[in-house]
C-alpha atoms as a PDB file:
ATOM      1  CA  UNK A   1      21.838 -11.590  88.283  1.00  0.00           C
ATOM      2  CA  UNK A   2      19.604  -8.618  88.322  1.00  0.00           C
ATOM      3  CA  UNK A   3      21.345  -5.006  89.174  1.00  0.00           C
ATOM      4  CA  UNK A   4      19.587  -3.685  92.298  1.00  0.00           C
ATOM      5  CA  UNK A   5      18.396  -0.809  90.827  1.00  0.00           C
ATOM      6  CA  UNK A   6      17.665  -1.002  87.084  1.00  0.00           C
ATOM      7  CA  UNK A   7      18.195   2.599  86.388  1.00  0.00           C
ATOM      8  CA  UNK A   8      21.806   2.039  87.539  1.00  0.00           C
ATOM      9  CA  UNK A   9      22.419   0.375  84.572  1.00  0.00           C
ATOM     10  CA  UNK A  10      21.786   3.603  82.470  1.00  0.00           C
ATOM     11  CA  UNK A  11      24.750   5.432  84.332  1.00  0.00           C
ATOM     12  CA  UNK A  12      27.753   5.836  82.315  1.00  0.00           C
ATOM     13  CA  UNK A  13      30.108   7.619  85.024  1.00  0.00           C
ATOM     14  CA  UNK A  14      33.726   6.647  84.870  1.00  0.00           C
ATOM     15  CA  UNK A  15      33.467   5.816  81.398  1.00  0.00           C
ATOM     16  CA  UNK A  16      34.959   7.727  78.365  1.00  0.00           C
ATOM     17  CA  UNK A  17      33.039   8.136  75.237  1.00  0.00           C
ATOM     18  CA  UNK A  18      34.307   9.374  71.624  1.00  0.00           C
ATOM     19  CA  UNK A  19      31.899  10.637  69.130  1.00  0.00           C
ATOM     20  CA  UNK A  20      33.048  11.331  65.074  1.00  0.00           C
ATOM     21  CA  UNK A  21      31.275  13.868  63.552  1.00  0.00           C
ATOM     22  CA  UNK A  22      30.192  15.138  66.927  1.00  0.00           C
ATOM     23  CA  UNK A  23      30.185  19.022  66.041  1.00  0.00           C
ATOM     24  CA  UNK A  24      26.679  19.365  64.962  1.00  0.00           C
ATOM     25  CA  UNK A  25      23.339  17.434  64.472  1.00  0.00           C
ATOM     26  CA  UNK A  26      22.884  13.802  65.644  1.00  0.00           C
ATOM     27  CA  UNK A  27      26.608  13.599  66.691  1.00  0.00           C
ATOM     28  CA  UNK A  28      26.365  16.735  68.968  1.00  0.00           C
ATOM     29  CA  UNK A  29      23.089  15.616  70.514  1.00  0.00           C
ATOM     30  CA  UNK A  30      24.811  12.331  71.341  1.00  0.00           C
ATOM     31  CA  UNK A  31      27.440  13.963  72.922  1.00  0.00           C
ATOM     32  CA  UNK A  32      24.963  15.848  75.198  1.00  0.00           C
ATOM     33  CA  UNK A  33      23.028  12.642  75.912  1.00  0.00           C
ATOM     34  CA  UNK A  34      25.852  10.554  77.020  1.00  0.00           C
ATOM     35  CA  UNK A  35      27.524  13.432  79.053  1.00  0.00           C
ATOM     36  CA  UNK A  36      24.119  13.907  80.898  1.00  0.00           C
ATOM     37  CA  UNK A  37      24.381  10.057  81.689  1.00  0.00           C
ATOM     38  CA  UNK A  38      27.871  10.682  83.474  1.00  0.00           C
ATOM     39  CA  UNK A  39      30.507   9.641  80.509  1.00  0.00           C
ATOM     40  CA  UNK A  40      33.295  11.962  79.827  1.00  0.00           C
ATOM     41  CA  UNK A  41      32.960  13.046  76.353  1.00  0.00           C
ATOM     42  CA  UNK A  42      35.754  13.558  73.445  1.00  0.00           C
ATOM     43  CA  UNK A  43      33.801  14.842  70.409  1.00  0.00           C
ATOM     44  CA  UNK A  44      35.896  14.467  66.827  1.00  0.00           C
ATOM     45  CA  UNK A  45      35.170  16.355  63.485  1.00  0.00           C
ATOM     46  CA  UNK A  46      36.827  17.380  60.617  1.00  0.00           C
ATOM     47  CA  UNK A  47      36.502  20.910  61.330  1.00  0.00           C
ATOM     48  CA  UNK A  48      38.497  21.646  64.429  1.00  0.00           C
ATOM     49  CA  UNK A  49      37.458  25.108  64.929  1.00  0.00           C
ATOM     50  CA  UNK A  50      33.443  24.226  64.670  1.00  0.00           C
ATOM     51  CA  UNK A  51      33.866  21.079  67.020  1.00  0.00           C
ATOM     52  CA  UNK A  52      36.089  22.978  69.624  1.00  0.00           C
ATOM     53  CA  UNK A  53      33.051  25.601  69.767  1.00  0.00           C
ATOM     54  CA  UNK A  54      30.529  22.737  70.124  1.00  0.00           C
ATOM     55  CA  UNK A  55      32.652  20.970  72.760  1.00  0.00           C
ATOM     56  CA  UNK A  56      32.144  24.006  74.675  1.00  0.00           C
ATOM     57  CA  UNK A  57      28.243  23.878  74.554  1.00  0.00           C
ATOM     58  CA  UNK A  58      28.107  20.415  75.674  1.00  0.00           C
ATOM     59  CA  UNK A  59      30.291  20.901  78.989  1.00  0.00           C
ATOM     60  CA  UNK A  60      33.471  22.496  80.552  1.00  0.00           C
ATOM     61  CA  UNK A  61      35.304  19.189  80.492  1.00  0.00           C
ATOM     62  CA  UNK A  62      34.397  18.068  77.105  1.00  0.00           C
ATOM     63  CA  UNK A  63      37.478  17.663  74.746  1.00  0.00           C
ATOM     64  CA  UNK A  64      37.501  18.438  70.884  1.00  0.00           C
ATOM     65  CA  UNK A  65      39.875  16.764  68.275  1.00  0.00           C
ATOM     66  CA  UNK A  66      40.378  17.202  64.521  1.00  0.00           C
ATOM     67  CA  UNK A  67      40.099  13.800  62.710  1.00  0.00           C
ATOM     68  CA  UNK A  68      39.483  12.786  58.996  1.00  0.00           C
ATOM     69  CA  UNK A  69      37.792   9.285  59.423  1.00  0.00           C
ATOM     70  CA  UNK A  70      38.450   8.630  55.634  1.00  0.00           C
ATOM     71  CA  UNK A  71      42.310   8.744  56.646  1.00  0.00           C
ATOM     72  CA  UNK A  72      43.554   5.825  58.552  1.00  0.00           C
ATOM     73  CA  UNK A  73      46.623   7.812  59.702  1.00  0.00           C
ATOM     74  CA  UNK A  74      44.292  10.724  60.813  1.00  0.00           C
ATOM     75  CA  UNK A  75      42.409   8.186  62.939  1.00  0.00           C
ATOM     76  CA  UNK A  76      45.462   6.750  64.405  1.00  0.00           C
ATOM     77  CA  UNK A  77      46.693  10.334  65.298  1.00  0.00           C
ATOM     78  CA  UNK A  78      43.418  10.636  67.031  1.00  0.00           C
ATOM     79  CA  UNK A  79      43.872   7.648  69.213  1.00  0.00           C
ATOM     80  CA  UNK A  80      47.563   8.694  69.916  1.00  0.00           C
ATOM     81  CA  UNK A  81      46.309  12.116  71.113  1.00  0.00           C
ATOM     82  CA  UNK A  82      43.906  10.668  73.249  1.00  0.00           C
ATOM     83  CA  UNK A  83      45.796   8.440  75.068  1.00  0.00           C
ATOM     84  CA  UNK A  84      43.956   5.575  76.739  1.00  0.00           C
ATOM     85  CA  UNK A  85      41.499   4.028  74.789  1.00  0.00           C
ATOM     86  CA  UNK A  86      37.939   5.035  75.198  1.00  0.00           C
ATOM     87  CA  UNK A  87      35.215   2.609  76.506  1.00  0.00           C
ATOM     88  CA  UNK A  88      32.638   3.771  74.048  1.00  0.00           C
ATOM     89  CA  UNK A  89      32.992   4.492  70.401  1.00  0.00           C
ATOM     90  CA  UNK A  90      30.198   6.295  68.403  1.00  0.00           C
ATOM     91  CA  UNK A  91      30.899   6.141  64.579  1.00  0.00           C
ATOM     92  CA  UNK A  92      28.287   8.886  63.479  1.00  0.00           C
ATOM     93  CA  UNK A  93      30.360  10.912  60.967  1.00  0.00           C
ATOM     94  CA  UNK A  94      28.338  10.713  57.859  1.00  0.00           C
ATOM     95  CA  UNK A  95      27.581  12.411  54.606  1.00  0.00           C
ATOM     96  CA  UNK A  96      24.931  12.129  51.815  1.00  0.00           C
ATOM     97  CA  UNK A  97      24.802  12.429  48.072  1.00  0.00           C
ATOM     98  CA  UNK A  98      21.528  12.206  46.560  1.00  0.00           C
ATOM     99  CA  UNK A  99      21.166  11.675  42.577  1.00  0.00           C
ATOM    100  CA  UNK A 100      20.338   9.049  40.008  1.00  0.00           C
ATOM    101  CA  UNK A 101      23.309   6.494  39.227  1.00  0.00           C
ATOM    102  CA  UNK A 102      23.511   8.359  35.712  1.00  0.00           C
ATOM    103  CA  UNK A 103      24.118  11.603  37.925  1.00  0.00           C
ATOM    104  CA  UNK A 104      26.520  10.182  40.553  1.00  0.00           C
ATOM    105  CA  UNK A 105      29.852  11.337  39.658  1.00  0.00           C
ATOM    106  CA  UNK A 106      32.855   8.992  40.196  1.00  0.00           C
ATOM    107  CA  UNK A 107      33.986  11.592  43.134  1.00  0.00           C
ATOM    108  CA  UNK A 108      30.566  11.476  44.523  1.00  0.00           C
ATOM    109  CA  UNK A 109      30.500   7.583  44.859  1.00  0.00           C
ATOM    110  CA  UNK A 110      34.076   7.794  46.624  1.00  0.00           C
ATOM    111  CA  UNK A 111      33.373  10.725  48.848  1.00  0.00           C
ATOM    112  CA  UNK A 112      30.353   9.135  50.274  1.00  0.00           C
ATOM    113  CA  UNK A 113      31.634   5.550  50.800  1.00  0.00           C
ATOM    114  CA  UNK A 114      35.102   6.661  52.016  1.00  0.00           C
ATOM    115  CA  UNK A 115      33.387   8.605  54.692  1.00  0.00           C
ATOM    116  CA  UNK A 116      30.249   6.525  55.665  1.00  0.00           C
ATOM    117  CA  UNK A 117      31.777   3.053  55.221  1.00  0.00           C
ATOM    118  CA  UNK A 118      35.689   3.290  55.158  1.00  0.00           C
ATOM    119  CA  UNK A 119      35.442   5.679  58.038  1.00  0.00           C
ATOM    120  CA  UNK A 120      33.633   3.273  60.235  1.00  0.00           C
ATOM    121  CA  UNK A 121      36.224   0.547  59.330  1.00  0.00           C
ATOM    122  CA  UNK A 122      39.100   2.744  60.023  1.00  0.00           C
ATOM    123  CA  UNK A 123      37.605   3.678  63.353  1.00  0.00           C
ATOM    124  CA  UNK A 124      36.899   0.299  64.519  1.00  0.00           C
ATOM    125  CA  UNK A 125      40.208  -1.076  63.438  1.00  0.00           C
ATOM    126  CA  UNK A 126      42.055   1.568  65.660  1.00  0.00           C
ATOM    127  CA  UNK A 127      39.641   1.818  68.506  1.00  0.00           C
ATOM    128  CA  UNK A 128      37.653  -1.603  68.297  1.00  0.00           C
ATOM    129  CA  UNK A 129      40.857  -3.634  68.178  1.00  0.00           C
ATOM    130  CA  UNK A 130      42.278  -1.987  71.106  1.00  0.00           C
ATOM    131  CA  UNK A 131      39.152  -2.617  72.869  1.00  0.00           C
ATOM    132  CA  UNK A 132      39.427  -6.266  72.037  1.00  0.00           C
ATOM    133  CA  UNK A 133      42.784  -6.412  73.050  1.00  0.00           C
ATOM    134  CA  UNK A 134      41.994  -4.564  76.478  1.00  0.00           C
ATOM    135  CA  UNK A 135      39.083  -7.040  76.932  1.00  0.00           C
ATOM    136  CA  UNK A 136      36.097  -4.365  77.122  1.00  0.00           C
ATOM    137  CA  UNK A 137      34.214  -1.565  75.029  1.00  0.00           C
ATOM    138  CA  UNK A 138      31.303  -0.697  73.118  1.00  0.00           C
ATOM    139  CA  UNK A 139      30.570   0.467  69.644  1.00  0.00           C
ATOM    140  CA  UNK A 140      27.538   2.049  68.558  1.00  0.00           C
ATOM    141  CA  UNK A 141      27.357   3.057  64.670  1.00  0.00           C
ATOM    142  CA  UNK A 142      24.870   5.014  63.013  1.00  0.00           C
ATOM    143  CA  UNK A 143      23.774   3.384  59.880  1.00  0.00           C
ATOM    144  CA  UNK A 144      20.286   4.323  58.223  1.00  0.00           C
ATOM    145  CA  UNK A 145      16.848   2.919  57.164  1.00  0.00           C
ATOM    146  CA  UNK A 146      18.307   3.424  53.582  1.00  0.00           C
ATOM    147  CA  UNK A 147      20.648   0.408  54.427  1.00  0.00           C
ATOM    148  CA  UNK A 148      17.919  -1.802  54.160  1.00  0.00           C
ATOM    149  CA  UNK A 149      15.462  -0.204  51.748  1.00  0.00           C
ATOM    150  CA  UNK A 150      15.372   2.314  49.203  1.00  0.00           C
ATOM    151  CA  UNK A 151      13.240   5.199  49.885  1.00  0.00           C
ATOM    152  CA  UNK A 152      11.196   7.345  48.041  1.00  0.00           C
ATOM    153  CA  UNK A 153      11.123   9.710  45.755  1.00  0.00           C
ATOM    154  CA  UNK A 154      14.872  10.442  45.651  1.00  0.00           C
ATOM    155  CA  UNK A 155      17.753   7.677  45.181  1.00  0.00           C
ATOM    156  CA  UNK A 156      21.025   7.441  46.321  1.00  0.00           C
ATOM    157  CA  UNK A 157      23.006   4.410  45.227  1.00  0.00           C
ATOM    158  CA  UNK A 158      26.200   5.556  46.981  1.00  0.00           C
ATOM    159  CA  UNK A 159      24.559   6.531  50.435  1.00  0.00           C
ATOM    160  CA  UNK A 160      22.298   3.210  50.281  1.00  0.00           C
ATOM    161  CA  UNK A 161      25.303   0.887  49.610  1.00  0.00           C
ATOM    162  CA  UNK A 162      27.568   2.616  52.347  1.00  0.00           C
ATOM    163  CA  UNK A 163      24.795   2.334  55.046  1.00  0.00           C
ATOM    164  CA  UNK A 164      24.141  -1.230  54.300  1.00  0.00           C
ATOM    165  CA  UNK A 165      27.860  -1.694  54.638  1.00  0.00           C
ATOM    166  CA  UNK A 166      27.920  -0.064  57.850  1.00  0.00           C
ATOM    167  CA  UNK A 167      25.175  -2.795  59.031  1.00  0.00           C
ATOM    168  CA  UNK A 168      27.122  -5.606  57.878  1.00  0.00           C
ATOM    169  CA  UNK A 169      30.207  -4.174  59.394  1.00  0.00           C
ATOM    170  CA  UNK A 170      28.465  -4.164  62.595  1.00  0.00           C
ATOM    171  CA  UNK A 171      27.233  -7.658  62.568  1.00  0.00           C
ATOM    172  CA  UNK A 172      31.046  -8.710  61.422  1.00  0.00           C
ATOM    173  CA  UNK A 173      32.853  -7.121  64.470  1.00  0.00           C
ATOM    174  CA  UNK A 174      30.009  -8.110  66.939  1.00  0.00           C
ATOM    175  CA  UNK A 175      30.893 -11.803  65.975  1.00  0.00           C
ATOM    176  CA  UNK A 176      34.571 -11.130  65.960  1.00  0.00           C
ATOM    177  CA  UNK A 177      34.846  -9.615  69.125  1.00  0.00           C
ATOM    178  CA  UNK A 178      31.637 -11.031  71.254  1.00  0.00           C
ATOM    179  CA  UNK A 179      33.794 -13.050  73.599  1.00  0.00           C
ATOM    180  CA  UNK A 180      36.534 -10.283  74.022  1.00  0.00           C
ATOM    181  CA  UNK A 181      33.767  -8.285  75.983  1.00  0.00           C
ATOM    182  CA  UNK A 182      33.177  -5.855  73.095  1.00  0.00           C
ATOM    183  CA  UNK A 183      29.861  -5.022  71.658  1.00  0.00           C
ATOM    184  CA  UNK A 184      28.989  -3.695  68.423  1.00  0.00           C
ATOM    185  CA  UNK A 185      25.697  -2.363  67.675  1.00  0.00           C
ATOM    186  CA  UNK A 186      24.014  -0.062  65.178  1.00  0.00           C
ATOM    187  CA  UNK A 187      21.157   2.359  64.845  1.00  0.00           C
ATOM    188  CA  UNK A 188      19.183   2.895  61.602  1.00  0.00           C
ATOM    189  CA  UNK A 189      17.445   6.170  61.794  1.00  0.00           C
ATOM    190  CA  UNK A 190      14.873   7.439  59.467  1.00  0.00           C
ATOM    191  CA  UNK A 191      14.353  10.945  58.785  1.00  0.00           C
ATOM    192  CA  UNK A 192      15.761  13.230  61.363  1.00  0.00           C
ATOM    193  CA  UNK A 193      15.482  16.916  61.711  1.00  0.00           C
ATOM    194  CA  UNK A 194      18.924  18.209  61.122  1.00  0.00           C
ATOM    195  CA  UNK A 195      21.053  20.443  58.983  1.00  0.00           C
ATOM    196  CA  UNK A 196      21.370  17.672  56.313  1.00  0.00           C
ATOM    197  CA  UNK A 197      17.593  17.185  56.019  1.00  0.00           C
ATOM    198  CA  UNK A 198      16.680  20.847  55.886  1.00  0.00           C
ATOM    199  CA  UNK A 199      17.761  21.230  52.139  1.00  0.00           C
ATOM    200  CA  UNK A 200      14.860  23.045  50.313  1.00  0.00           C
ATOM    201  CA  UNK A 201      15.460  20.912  47.229  1.00  0.00           C
ATOM    202  CA  UNK A 202      14.392  17.915  49.260  1.00  0.00           C
ATOM    203  CA  UNK A 203      10.747  16.299  49.153  1.00  0.00           C
ATOM    204  CA  UNK A 204      10.277  16.793  52.870  1.00  0.00           C
ATOM    205  CA  UNK A 205       6.433  16.832  52.564  1.00  0.00           C
ATOM    206  CA  UNK A 206       6.612  13.349  50.846  1.00  0.00           C
ATOM    207  CA  UNK A 207       9.168  11.949  53.422  1.00  0.00           C
ATOM    208  CA  UNK A 208       6.632  13.096  56.288  1.00  0.00           C
ATOM    209  CA  UNK A 209       3.624  11.640  54.309  1.00  0.00           C
ATOM    210  CA  UNK A 210       5.585   8.269  53.929  1.00  0.00           C
ATOM    211  CA  UNK A 211       6.455   8.388  57.850  1.00  0.00           C
ATOM    212  CA  UNK A 212       3.556   6.369  59.635  1.00  0.00           C
ATOM    213  CA  UNK A 213       4.141   8.637  62.555  1.00  0.00           C
ATOM    214  CA  UNK A 214       3.767  11.349  60.464  1.00  0.00           C
ATOM    215  CA  UNK A 215       6.721  13.522  61.433  1.00  0.00           C
ATOM    216  CA  UNK A 216      10.592  13.650  61.333  1.00  0.00           C
ATOM    217  CA  UNK A 217      12.432  12.313  64.442  1.00  0.00           C
ATOM    218  CA  UNK A 218      14.450  14.602  66.782  1.00  0.00           C
ATOM    219  CA  UNK A 219      18.034  14.181  67.373  1.00  0.00           C
ATOM    220  CA  UNK A 220      17.347  13.414  70.755  1.00  0.00           C
ATOM    221  CA  UNK A 221      15.203  10.599  69.914  1.00  0.00           C
ATOM    222  CA  UNK A 222      18.372   9.020  68.214  1.00  0.00           C
ATOM    223  CA  UNK A 223      20.774   9.722  70.988  1.00  0.00           C
ATOM    224  CA  UNK A 224      18.507   8.143  73.544  1.00  0.00           C
ATOM    225  CA  UNK A 225      18.904   4.901  71.944  1.00  0.00           C
ATOM    226  CA  UNK A 226      22.478   5.326  71.479  1.00  0.00           C
ATOM    227  CA  UNK A 227      22.590   5.834  75.034  1.00  0.00           C
ATOM    228  CA  UNK A 228      20.576   2.516  75.824  1.00  0.00           C
ATOM    229  CA  UNK A 229      23.318   0.768  73.463  1.00  0.00           C
ATOM    230  CA  UNK A 230      26.117   2.123  75.020  1.00  0.00           C
ATOM    231  CA  UNK A 231      24.953   1.394  78.603  1.00  0.00           C
ATOM    232  CA  UNK A 232      24.716  -2.056  80.627  1.00  0.00           C
ATOM    233  CA  UNK A 233      20.847  -1.987  80.102  1.00  0.00           C
ATOM    234  CA  UNK A 234      21.737  -3.573  76.603  1.00  0.00           C
ATOM    235  CA  UNK A 235      24.616  -5.949  77.955  1.00  0.00           C
ATOM    236  CA  UNK A 236      22.840  -9.146  76.088  1.00  0.00           C
ATOM    237  CA  UNK A 237      22.721  -7.221  72.665  1.00  0.00           C
ATOM    238  CA  UNK A 238      25.664  -7.071  70.127  1.00  0.00           C
ATOM    239  CA  UNK A 239      25.222  -7.539  66.068  1.00  0.00           C
ATOM    240  CA  UNK A 240      21.861  -5.520  66.517  1.00  0.00           C
ATOM    241  CA  UNK A 241      20.454  -2.813  63.945  1.00  0.00           C
ATOM    242  CA  UNK A 242      17.858  -1.059  65.559  1.00  0.00           C
ATOM    243  CA  UNK A 243      15.461   1.144  63.485  1.00  0.00           C
ATOM    244  CA  UNK A 244      14.642   4.558  64.959  1.00  0.00           C
ATOM    245  CA  UNK A 245      12.439   5.742  61.799  1.00  0.00           C
ATOM    246  CA  UNK A 246       8.892   6.413  63.045  1.00  0.00           C
ATOM    247  CA  UNK A 247       7.652   3.315  61.526  1.00  0.00           C
ATOM    248  CA  UNK A 248       8.950   3.889  58.038  1.00  0.00           C
ATOM    249  CA  UNK A 249      10.241   0.531  57.371  1.00  0.00           C
ATOM    250  CA  UNK A 250       7.187  -1.162  58.884  1.00  0.00           C
ATOM    251  CA  UNK A 251       5.029  -0.255  55.626  1.00  0.00           C
END
């Protein structure tokens, strides 16, 4: 049955959304966007003071919590502090270490996979399972185009493997919880203008040249797709990984 007003399907009023890595960059922009759509926002980040300041900039009722997504107990503590299970979970927390395999230290490998992959698992195990038990919920994971291709000219085995894992976890959870009323999707961004991509050592001109649209993406262009996936407008989508990469993976 069609909704009488299609725009109402984008309305998130009455829903609570938690965003990990919400203190800056893409995560913070997702918080702003979902807040404008009517959701009550919870920002979680490793740095409590930074995320508290970020929350004030999003809105007066936005809540901020400290959470280390690599630590399952920290995620469980976050759930206990929040109380009611959120309606929307956005697994955005992520880190990058770019180096050839020979220069990738054991610590770098474990750090990147712990945040990017294990963090998604821990948060989904805590919040996704609770959503499934309740019978409703929506999870959006932030993957990467590096989860399906190897970009040039840099190499990042840990990052690539972790994001490929995020894509597969997305499909796994989607199948597991589909009949429980929980949807799980992912976004695979390309190069987005954030603090993470402003490192002067990066080959920015090459990245732009390799992107068909000829520019970096904006954080709001990622956040708007998160909004779509978190809303009823995408109600028949689960297990999808949507590219938001300016056409990079089309070559």
